[in-house]
Amino acid sequence: HGEFIDRKYSAKGIRGFLIDDAEMLLQRISMVNVMG
């Protein structure tokens, strides 16, 4: 998630992303509790 948020990947050649535990990713982005 950190590499994704910080864009620490080369977009060239990447066909797409599959997000595992998306709720955890959203919570990591926010400084406040994500309630829904």
PDB file of all heavy atoms in Angstrom:
ATOM      1  N   HIS A   1       0.845  -1.200   0.000  1.00  0.00           N
ATOM      2  CA  HIS A   1       0.000   0.000   0.000  1.00  0.00           C
ATOM      3  C   HIS A   1       0.878   1.246   0.000  1.00  0.00           C
ATOM      4  O   HIS A   1       0.599   2.213  -0.704  1.00  0.00           O
ATOM      5  CB  HIS A   1      -0.912   0.014   1.232  1.00  0.00           C
ATOM      6  CG  HIS A   1      -2.034  -0.968   1.175  1.00  0.00           C
ATOM      7  ND1 HIS A   1      -2.858  -1.182   2.246  1.00  0.00           N
ATOM      8  CD2 HIS A   1      -2.487  -1.791   0.203  1.00  0.00           C
ATOM      9  CE1 HIS A   1      -3.767  -2.089   1.930  1.00  0.00           C
ATOM     10  NE2 HIS A   1      -3.561  -2.479   0.698  1.00  0.00           N
ATOM     11  N   GLY A   2       1.954   1.232   0.799  1.00  0.00           N
ATOM     12  CA  GLY A   2       2.853   2.385   0.868  1.00  0.00           C
ATOM     13  C   GLY A   2       3.497   2.696  -0.468  1.00  0.00           C
ATOM     14  O   GLY A   2       3.580   3.858  -0.876  1.00  0.00           O
ATOM     15  N   GLU A   3       3.963   1.667  -1.155  1.00  0.00           N
ATOM     16  CA  GLU A   3       4.565   1.868  -2.481  1.00  0.00           C
ATOM     17  C   GLU A   3       3.529   2.419  -3.461  1.00  0.00           C
ATOM     18  O   GLU A   3       3.841   3.280  -4.284  1.00  0.00           O
ATOM     19  CB  GLU A   3       5.129   0.545  -3.011  1.00  0.00           C
ATOM     20  CG  GLU A   3       6.347   0.067  -2.248  1.00  0.00           C
ATOM     21  CD  GLU A   3       6.747  -1.348  -2.591  1.00  0.00           C
ATOM     22  OE1 GLU A   3       5.864  -2.224  -2.729  1.00  0.00           O
ATOM     23  OE2 GLU A   3       7.967  -1.579  -2.725  1.00  0.00           O
ATOM     24  N   PHE A   4       2.293   1.936  -3.338  1.00  0.00           N
ATOM     25  CA  PHE A   4       1.214   2.406  -4.205  1.00  0.00           C
ATOM     26  C   PHE A   4       0.909   3.879  -3.936  1.00  0.00           C
ATOM     27  O   PHE A   4       0.860   4.690  -4.861  1.00  0.00           O
ATOM     28  CB  PHE A   4      -0.027   1.542  -3.969  1.00  0.00           C
ATOM     29  CG  PHE A   4      -1.213   1.906  -4.810  1.00  0.00           C
ATOM     30  CD1 PHE A   4      -1.259   1.565  -6.149  1.00  0.00           C
ATOM     31  CD2 PHE A   4      -2.291   2.581  -4.256  1.00  0.00           C
ATOM     32  CE1 PHE A   4      -2.368   1.879  -6.930  1.00  0.00           C
ATOM     33  CE2 PHE A   4      -3.398   2.905  -5.022  1.00  0.00           C
ATOM     34  CZ  PHE A   4      -3.431   2.560  -6.361  1.00  0.00           C
ATOM     35  N   ILE A   5       0.754   4.235  -2.669  1.00  0.00           N
ATOM     36  CA  ILE A   5       0.438   5.620  -2.283  1.00  0.00           C
ATOM     37  C   ILE A   5       1.553   6.569  -2.708  1.00  0.00           C
ATOM     38  O   ILE A   5       1.301   7.651  -3.245  1.00  0.00           O
ATOM     39  CB  ILE A   5       0.202   5.724  -0.764  1.00  0.00           C
ATOM     40  CG1 ILE A   5      -1.080   4.990  -0.368  1.00  0.00           C
ATOM     41  CG2 ILE A   5       0.142   7.182  -0.311  1.00  0.00           C
ATOM     42  CD1 ILE A   5      -1.232   4.757   1.132  1.00  0.00           C
ATOM     43  N   ASP A   6       2.800   6.148  -2.477  1.00  0.00           N
ATOM     44  CA  ASP A   6       3.960   6.989  -2.803  1.00  0.00           C
ATOM     45  C   ASP A   6       4.382   6.889  -4.268  1.00  0.00           C
ATOM     46  O   ASP A   6       5.369   7.501  -4.662  1.00  0.00           O
ATOM     47  CB  ASP A   6       5.148   6.615  -1.908  1.00  0.00           C
ATOM     48  CG  ASP A   6       4.883   6.912  -0.451  1.00  0.00           C
ATOM     49  OD1 ASP A   6       4.004   7.745  -0.140  1.00  0.00           O
ATOM     50  OD2 ASP A   6       5.554   6.283   0.408  1.00  0.00           O
ATOM     51  N   ARG A   7       3.643   6.108  -5.056  1.00  0.00           N
ATOM     52  CA  ARG A   7       3.917   5.889  -6.480  1.00  0.00           C
ATOM     53  C   ARG A   7       5.342   5.395  -6.713  1.00  0.00           C
ATOM     54  O   ARG A   7       6.033   5.828  -7.647  1.00  0.00           O
ATOM     55  CB  ARG A   7       3.645   7.154  -7.286  1.00  0.00           C
ATOM     56  CG  ARG A   7       2.186   7.553  -7.237  1.00  0.00           C
ATOM     57  CD  ARG A   7       1.908   8.767  -8.041  1.00  0.00           C
ATOM     58  NE  ARG A   7       0.476   9.089  -7.947  1.00  0.00           N
ATOM     59  CZ  ARG A   7      -0.074  10.110  -8.537  1.00  0.00           C
ATOM     60  NH1 ARG A   7       0.634  10.924  -9.267  1.00  0.00           N
ATOM     61  NH2 ARG A   7      -1.368  10.334  -8.397  1.00  0.00           N
ATOM     62  N   LYS A   8       5.769   4.460  -5.867  1.00  0.00           N
ATOM     63  CA  LYS A   8       7.103   3.877  -5.990  1.00  0.00           C
ATOM     64  C   LYS A   8       7.045   2.638  -6.877  1.00  0.00           C
ATOM     65  O   LYS A   8       7.356   1.529  -6.465  1.00  0.00           O
ATOM     66  CB  LYS A   8       7.662   3.544  -4.612  1.00  0.00           C
ATOM     67  CG  LYS A   8       7.976   4.757  -3.792  1.00  0.00           C
ATOM     68  CD  LYS A   8       8.625   4.404  -2.486  1.00  0.00           C
ATOM     69  CE  LYS A   8       8.978   5.670  -1.728  1.00  0.00           C
ATOM     70  NZ  LYS A   8       9.565   5.373  -0.428  1.00  0.00           N
ATOM     71  N   TYR A   9       6.614   2.860  -8.083  1.00  0.00           N
ATOM     72  CA  TYR A   9       6.552   1.812  -9.091  1.00  0.00           C
ATOM     73  C   TYR A   9       6.670   2.499 -10.444  1.00  0.00           C
ATOM     74  O   TYR A   9       6.399   3.680 -10.575  1.00  0.00           O
ATOM     75  CB  TYR A   9       5.242   1.010  -9.003  1.00  0.00           C
ATOM     76  CG  TYR A   9       3.992   1.862  -9.106  1.00  0.00           C
ATOM     77  CD1 TYR A   9       3.457   2.213 -10.346  1.00  0.00           C
ATOM     78  CD2 TYR A   9       3.353   2.337  -7.963  1.00  0.00           C
ATOM     79  CE1 TYR A   9       2.324   3.006 -10.441  1.00  0.00           C
ATOM     80  CE2 TYR A   9       2.217   3.129  -8.053  1.00  0.00           C
ATOM     81  CZ  TYR A   9       1.710   3.457  -9.294  1.00  0.00           C
ATOM     82  OH  TYR A   9       0.589   4.246  -9.388  1.00  0.00           O
ATOM     83  N   SER A  10       7.095   1.752 -11.420  1.00  0.00           N
ATOM     84  CA  SER A  10       7.179   2.286 -12.771  1.00  0.00           C
ATOM     85  C   SER A  10       5.887   1.932 -13.497  1.00  0.00           C
ATOM     86  O   SER A  10       5.584   0.755 -13.689  1.00  0.00           O
ATOM     87  CB  SER A  10       8.378   1.680 -13.507  1.00  0.00           C
ATOM     88  OG  SER A  10       8.369   2.093 -14.851  1.00  0.00           O
ATOM     89  N   ALA A  11       5.119   2.914 -13.891  1.00  0.00           N
ATOM     90  CA  ALA A  11       3.833   2.682 -14.539  1.00  0.00           C
ATOM     91  C   ALA A  11       3.987   2.008 -15.901  1.00  0.00           C
ATOM     92  O   ALA A  11       3.068   1.334 -16.367  1.00  0.00           O
ATOM     93  CB  ALA A  11       3.070   3.998 -14.681  1.00  0.00           C
ATOM     94  N   LYS A  12       5.152   2.158 -16.499  1.00  0.00           N
ATOM     95  CA  LYS A  12       5.381   1.566 -17.817  1.00  0.00           C
ATOM     96  C   LYS A  12       5.258   0.048 -17.715  1.00  0.00           C
ATOM     97  O   LYS A  12       5.929  -0.588 -16.916  1.00  0.00           O
ATOM     98  CB  LYS A  12       6.758   1.946 -18.338  1.00  0.00           C
ATOM     99  CG  LYS A  12       7.034   1.465 -19.732  1.00  0.00           C
ATOM    100  CD  LYS A  12       8.394   1.919 -20.218  1.00  0.00           C
ATOM    101  CE  LYS A  12       8.616   1.417 -21.637  1.00  0.00           C
ATOM    102  NZ  LYS A  12       9.906   1.813 -22.152  1.00  0.00           N
ATOM    103  N   GLY A  13       4.384  -0.500 -18.507  1.00  0.00           N
ATOM    104  CA  GLY A  13       4.212  -1.949 -18.535  1.00  0.00           C
ATOM    105  C   GLY A  13       3.201  -2.502 -17.546  1.00  0.00           C
ATOM    106  O   GLY A  13       2.848  -3.667 -17.617  1.00  0.00           O
ATOM    107  N   ILE A  14       2.732  -1.683 -16.607  1.00  0.00           N
ATOM    108  CA  ILE A  14       1.734  -2.163 -15.651  1.00  0.00           C
ATOM    109  C   ILE A  14       0.361  -2.058 -16.297  1.00  0.00           C
ATOM    110  O   ILE A  14      -0.058  -0.984 -16.719  1.00  0.00           O
ATOM    111  CB  ILE A  14       1.780  -1.368 -14.326  1.00  0.00           C
ATOM    112  CG1 ILE A  14       3.116  -1.613 -13.614  1.00  0.00           C
ATOM    113  CG2 ILE A  14       0.609  -1.770 -13.428  1.00  0.00           C
ATOM    114  CD1 ILE A  14       3.260  -0.882 -12.296  1.00  0.00           C
ATOM    115  N   ARG A  15      -0.326  -3.185 -16.375  1.00  0.00           N
ATOM    116  CA  ARG A  15      -1.641  -3.232 -17.028  1.00  0.00           C
ATOM    117  C   ARG A  15      -2.768  -2.798 -16.112  1.00  0.00           C
ATOM    118  O   ARG A  15      -3.835  -2.418 -16.572  1.00  0.00           O
ATOM    119  CB  ARG A  15      -1.907  -4.646 -17.523  1.00  0.00           C
ATOM    120  CG  ARG A  15      -0.939  -5.062 -18.597  1.00  0.00           C
ATOM    121  CD  ARG A  15      -1.241  -6.442 -19.103  1.00  0.00           C
ATOM    122  NE  ARG A  15      -0.252  -6.792 -20.119  1.00  0.00           N
ATOM    123  CZ  ARG A  15      -0.043  -8.012 -20.525  1.00  0.00           C
ATOM    124  NH1 ARG A  15      -0.733  -9.011 -20.028  1.00  0.00           N
ATOM    125  NH2 ARG A  15       0.866  -8.247 -21.438  1.00  0.00           N
ATOM    126  N   GLY A  16      -2.541  -2.889 -14.813  1.00  0.00           N
ATOM    127  CA  GLY A  16      -3.579  -2.510 -13.860  1.00  0.00           C
ATOM    128  C   GLY A  16      -3.211  -2.971 -12.462  1.00  0.00           C
ATOM    129  O   GLY A  16      -2.188  -3.641 -12.263  1.00  0.00           O
ATOM    130  N   PHE A  17      -4.050  -2.605 -11.511  1.00  0.00           N
ATOM    131  CA  PHE A  17      -3.843  -2.976 -10.116  1.00  0.00           C
ATOM    132  C   PHE A  17      -5.045  -3.738  -9.582  1.00  0.00           C
ATOM    133  O   PHE A  17      -6.192  -3.474  -9.971  1.00  0.00           O
ATOM    134  CB  PHE A  17      -3.631  -1.730  -9.250  1.00  0.00           C
ATOM    135  CG  PHE A  17      -2.312  -1.042  -9.484  1.00  0.00           C
ATOM    136  CD1 PHE A  17      -2.263   0.194 -10.093  1.00  0.00           C
ATOM    137  CD2 PHE A  17      -1.119  -1.635  -9.094  1.00  0.00           C
ATOM    138  CE1 PHE A  17      -1.055   0.843 -10.316  1.00  0.00           C
ATOM    139  CE2 PHE A  17       0.093  -1.006  -9.316  1.00  0.00           C
ATOM    140  CZ  PHE A  17       0.128   0.235  -9.916  1.00  0.00           C
ATOM    141  N   LEU A  18      -4.780  -4.648  -8.667  1.00  0.00           N
ATOM    142  CA  LEU A  18      -5.792  -5.372  -7.910  1.00  0.00           C
ATOM    143  C   LEU A  18      -5.511  -5.063  -6.442  1.00  0.00           C
ATOM    144  O   LEU A  18      -4.443  -5.394  -5.932  1.00  0.00           O
ATOM    145  CB  LEU A  18      -5.685  -6.881  -8.175  1.00  0.00           C
ATOM    146  CG  LEU A  18      -5.903  -7.308  -9.626  1.00  0.00           C
ATOM    147  CD1 LEU A  18      -5.372  -8.716  -9.851  1.00  0.00           C
ATOM    148  CD2 LEU A  18      -7.376  -7.222  -9.975  1.00  0.00           C
ATOM    149  N   ILE A  19      -6.426  -4.380  -5.792  1.00  0.00           N
ATOM    150  CA  ILE A  19      -6.194  -3.917  -4.425  1.00  0.00           C
ATOM    151  C   ILE A  19      -6.690  -4.953  -3.419  1.00  0.00           C
ATOM    152  O   ILE A  19      -7.879  -5.266  -3.369  1.00  0.00           O
ATOM    153  CB  ILE A  19      -6.907  -2.568  -4.163  1.00  0.00           C
ATOM    154  CG1 ILE A  19      -6.583  -1.543  -5.259  1.00  0.00           C
ATOM    155  CG2 ILE A  19      -6.557  -2.043  -2.767  1.00  0.00           C
ATOM    156  CD1 ILE A  19      -5.138  -1.134  -5.352  1.00  0.00           C
ATOM    157  N   ASP A  20      -5.776  -5.484  -2.620  1.00  0.00           N
ATOM    158  CA  ASP A  20      -6.122  -6.406  -1.537  1.00  0.00           C
ATOM    159  C   ASP A  20      -6.312  -5.579  -0.273  1.00  0.00           C
ATOM    160  O   ASP A  20      -5.535  -4.660  -0.007  1.00  0.00           O
ATOM    161  CB  ASP A  20      -4.989  -7.420  -1.350  1.00  0.00           C
ATOM    162  CG  ASP A  20      -5.394  -8.636  -0.532  1.00  0.00           C
ATOM    163  OD1 ASP A  20      -6.602  -8.956  -0.488  1.00  0.00           O
ATOM    164  OD2 ASP A  20      -4.505  -9.271   0.054  1.00  0.00           O
ATOM    165  N   ASP A  21      -7.343  -5.892   0.484  1.00  0.00           N
ATOM    166  CA  ASP A  21      -7.654  -5.169   1.718  1.00  0.00           C
ATOM    167  C   ASP A  21      -7.808  -3.665   1.454  1.00  0.00           C
ATOM    168  O   ASP A  21      -7.145  -2.822   2.066  1.00  0.00           O
ATOM    169  CB  ASP A  21      -6.583  -5.419   2.790  1.00  0.00           C
ATOM    170  CG  ASP A  21      -6.511  -6.891   3.199  1.00  0.00           C
ATOM    171  OD1 ASP A  21      -7.577  -7.504   3.386  1.00  0.00           O
ATOM    172  OD2 ASP A  21      -5.389  -7.424   3.324  1.00  0.00           O
ATOM    173  N   ALA A  22      -8.708  -3.345   0.529  1.00  0.00           N
ATOM    174  CA  ALA A  22      -8.920  -1.950   0.117  1.00  0.00           C
ATOM    175  C   ALA A  22      -9.312  -1.054   1.285  1.00  0.00           C
ATOM    176  O   ALA A  22      -8.920   0.114   1.332  1.00  0.00           O
ATOM    177  CB  ALA A  22      -9.990  -1.881  -0.972  1.00  0.00           C
ATOM    178  N   GLU A  23     -10.065  -1.605   2.237  1.00  0.00           N
ATOM    179  CA  GLU A  23     -10.464  -0.798   3.392  1.00  0.00           C
ATOM    180  C   GLU A  23      -9.251  -0.349   4.197  1.00  0.00           C
ATOM    181  O   GLU A  23      -9.214   0.765   4.728  1.00  0.00           O
ATOM    182  CB  GLU A  23     -11.470  -1.557   4.272  1.00  0.00           C
ATOM    183  CG  GLU A  23     -10.937  -2.752   5.036  1.00  0.00           C
ATOM    184  CD  GLU A  23     -10.706  -4.018   4.208  1.00  0.00           C
ATOM    185  OE1 GLU A  23     -10.966  -4.032   2.999  1.00  0.00           O
ATOM    186  OE2 GLU A  23     -10.240  -5.001   4.802  1.00  0.00           O
ATOM    187  N   MET A  24      -8.222  -1.195   4.292  1.00  0.00           N
ATOM    188  CA  MET A  24      -6.992  -0.826   4.997  1.00  0.00           C
ATOM    189  C   MET A  24      -6.242   0.263   4.232  1.00  0.00           C
ATOM    190  O   MET A  24      -5.653   1.160   4.839  1.00  0.00           O
ATOM    191  CB  MET A  24      -6.113  -2.054   5.197  1.00  0.00           C
ATOM    192  CG  MET A  24      -6.703  -3.077   6.153  1.00  0.00           C
ATOM    193  SD  MET A  24      -5.747  -4.600   6.235  1.00  0.00           S
ATOM    194  CE  MET A  24      -4.299  -4.050   7.113  1.00  0.00           C
ATOM    195  N   LEU A  25      -6.252   0.185   2.908  1.00  0.00           N
ATOM    196  CA  LEU A  25      -5.602   1.213   2.083  1.00  0.00           C
ATOM    197  C   LEU A  25      -6.281   2.560   2.291  1.00  0.00           C
ATOM    198  O   LEU A  25      -5.609   3.576   2.501  1.00  0.00           O
ATOM    199  CB  LEU A  25      -5.633   0.814   0.612  1.00  0.00           C
ATOM    200  CG  LEU A  25      -5.093   1.846  -0.382  1.00  0.00           C
ATOM    201  CD1 LEU A  25      -3.632   2.172  -0.118  1.00  0.00           C
ATOM    202  CD2 LEU A  25      -5.284   1.353  -1.811  1.00  0.00           C
ATOM    203  N   LEU A  26      -7.597   2.580   2.258  1.00  0.00           N
ATOM    204  CA  LEU A  26      -8.324   3.837   2.469  1.00  0.00           C
ATOM    205  C   LEU A  26      -8.036   4.410   3.852  1.00  0.00           C
ATOM    206  O   LEU A  26      -7.854   5.619   4.010  1.00  0.00           O
ATOM    207  CB  LEU A  26      -9.822   3.628   2.279  1.00  0.00           C
ATOM    208  CG  LEU A  26     -10.259   3.342   0.845  1.00  0.00           C
ATOM    209  CD1 LEU A  26     -11.729   2.955   0.810  1.00  0.00           C
ATOM    210  CD2 LEU A  26      -9.996   4.538  -0.038  1.00  0.00           C
ATOM    211  N   GLN A  27      -7.990   3.544   4.870  1.00  0.00           N
ATOM    212  CA  GLN A  27      -7.715   4.029   6.221  1.00  0.00           C
ATOM    213  C   GLN A  27      -6.302   4.575   6.321  1.00  0.00           C
ATOM    214  O   GLN A  27      -6.062   5.578   6.992  1.00  0.00           O
ATOM    215  CB  GLN A  27      -7.929   2.911   7.252  1.00  0.00           C
ATOM    216  CG  GLN A  27      -7.894   3.412   8.679  1.00  0.00           C
ATOM    217  CD  GLN A  27      -8.919   4.499   8.951  1.00  0.00           C
ATOM    218  OE1 GLN A  27     -10.105   4.263   8.886  1.00  0.00           O
ATOM    219  NE2 GLN A  27      -8.447   5.700   9.236  1.00  0.00           N
ATOM    220  N   ARG A  28      -5.370   3.960   5.619  1.00  0.00           N
ATOM    221  CA  ARG A  28      -3.985   4.427   5.649  1.00  0.00           C
ATOM    222  C   ARG A  28      -3.847   5.814   5.024  1.00  0.00           C
ATOM    223  O   ARG A  28      -3.050   6.635   5.456  1.00  0.00           O
ATOM    224  CB  ARG A  28      -3.088   3.434   4.909  1.00  0.00           C
ATOM    225  CG  ARG A  28      -1.646   3.813   4.974  1.00  0.00           C
ATOM    226  CD  ARG A  28      -0.763   2.723   4.483  1.00  0.00           C
ATOM    227  NE  ARG A  28       0.623   3.148   4.649  1.00  0.00           N
ATOM    228  CZ  ARG A  28       1.644   2.382   4.423  1.00  0.00           C
ATOM    229  NH1 ARG A  28       1.458   1.142   4.051  1.00  0.00           N
ATOM    230  NH2 ARG A  28       2.858   2.842   4.582  1.00  0.00           N
ATOM    231  N   ILE A  29      -4.639   6.093   3.996  1.00  0.00           N
ATOM    232  CA  ILE A  29      -4.591   7.386   3.327  1.00  0.00           C
ATOM    233  C   ILE A  29      -5.139   8.487   4.228  1.00  0.00           C
ATOM    234  O   ILE A  29      -4.665   9.621   4.213  1.00  0.00           O
ATOM    235  CB  ILE A  29      -5.392   7.340   2.001  1.00  0.00           C
ATOM    236  CG1 ILE A  29      -4.703   6.429   0.997  1.00  0.00           C
ATOM    237  CG2 ILE A  29      -5.577   8.727   1.420  1.00  0.00           C
ATOM    238  CD1 ILE A  29      -5.542   6.110  -0.223  1.00  0.00           C
ATOM    239  N   SER A  30      -6.132   8.153   5.054  1.00  0.00           N
ATOM    240  CA  SER A  30      -6.815   9.153   5.880  1.00  0.00           C
ATOM    241  C   SER A  30      -6.197   9.285   7.264  1.00  0.00           C
ATOM    242  O   SER A  30      -5.742   8.311   7.855  1.00  0.00           O
ATOM    243  CB  SER A  30      -8.291   8.765   6.030  1.00  0.00           C
ATOM    244  OG  SER A  30      -8.945   9.674   6.877  1.00  0.00           O
ATOM    245  N   MET A  31      -6.227  10.493   7.790  1.00  0.00           N
ATOM    246  CA  MET A  31      -5.771  10.735   9.156  1.00  0.00           C
ATOM    247  C   MET A  31      -6.922  10.572  10.150  1.00  0.00           C
ATOM    248  O   MET A  31      -6.731  10.643  11.350  1.00  0.00           O
ATOM    249  CB  MET A  31      -5.182  12.147   9.257  1.00  0.00           C
ATOM    250  CG  MET A  31      -3.922  12.310   8.443  1.00  0.00           C
ATOM    251  SD  MET A  31      -3.299  14.008   8.361  1.00  0.00           S
ATOM    252  CE  MET A  31      -3.193  14.479  10.062  1.00  0.00           C
ATOM    253  N   VAL A  32      -8.124  10.357   9.649  1.00  0.00           N
ATOM    254  CA  VAL A  32      -9.322  10.224  10.470  1.00  0.00           C
ATOM    255  C   VAL A  32      -9.973   8.881  10.138  1.00  0.00           C
ATOM    256  O   VAL A  32      -9.854   8.378   9.016  1.00  0.00           O
ATOM    257  CB  VAL A  32     -10.301  11.392  10.177  1.00  0.00           C
ATOM    258  CG1 VAL A  32     -11.575  11.263  10.966  1.00  0.00           C
ATOM    259  CG2 VAL A  32      -9.617  12.733  10.443  1.00  0.00           C
ATOM    260  N   ASN A  33     -10.672   8.302  11.100  1.00  0.00           N
ATOM    261  CA  ASN A  33     -11.338   7.024  10.912  1.00  0.00           C
ATOM    262  C   ASN A  33     -12.284   7.052   9.706  1.00  0.00           C
ATOM    263  O   ASN A  33     -13.153   7.916   9.610  1.00  0.00           O
ATOM    264  CB  ASN A  33     -12.128   6.663  12.177  1.00  0.00           C
ATOM    265  CG  ASN A  33     -12.719   5.273  12.121  1.00  0.00           C
ATOM    266  OD1 ASN A  33     -12.141   4.371  11.540  1.00  0.00           O
ATOM    267  ND2 ASN A  33     -13.863   5.104  12.749  1.00  0.00           N
ATOM    268  N   VAL A  34     -12.101   6.114   8.776  1.00  0.00           N
ATOM    269  CA  VAL A  34     -13.007   5.972   7.643  1.00  0.00           C
ATOM    270  C   VAL A  34     -14.179   5.114   8.128  1.00  0.00           C
ATOM    271  O   VAL A  34     -13.991   3.964   8.487  1.00  0.00           O
ATOM    272  CB  VAL A  34     -12.310   5.316   6.427  1.00  0.00           C
ATOM    273  CG1 VAL A  34     -13.295   5.085   5.299  1.00  0.00           C
ATOM    274  CG2 VAL A  34     -11.142   6.174   5.969  1.00  0.00           C
ATOM    275  N   MET A  35     -15.372   5.682   8.138  1.00  0.00           N
ATOM    276  CA  MET A  35     -16.522   5.020   8.748  1.00  0.00           C
ATOM    277  C   MET A  35     -17.399   4.273   7.747  1.00  0.00           C
ATOM    278  O   MET A  35     -18.263   3.497   8.136  1.00  0.00           O
ATOM    279  CB  MET A  35     -17.332   6.034   9.534  1.00  0.00           C
ATOM    280  CG  MET A  35     -16.520   6.648  10.670  1.00  0.00           C
ATOM    281  SD  MET A  35     -17.369   7.947  11.554  1.00  0.00           S
ATOM    282  CE  MET A  35     -18.699   7.044  12.323  1.00  0.00           C
ATOM    283  N   GLY A  36     -17.194   4.463   6.472  1.00  0.00           N
ATOM    284  CA  GLY A  36     -17.988   3.763   5.479  1.00  0.00           C
ATOM    285  C   GLY A  36     -17.508   4.100   4.086  1.00  0.00           C
ATOM    286  O   GLY A  36     -16.799   5.084   3.879  1.00  0.00           O
TER     287      GLY A  36
END
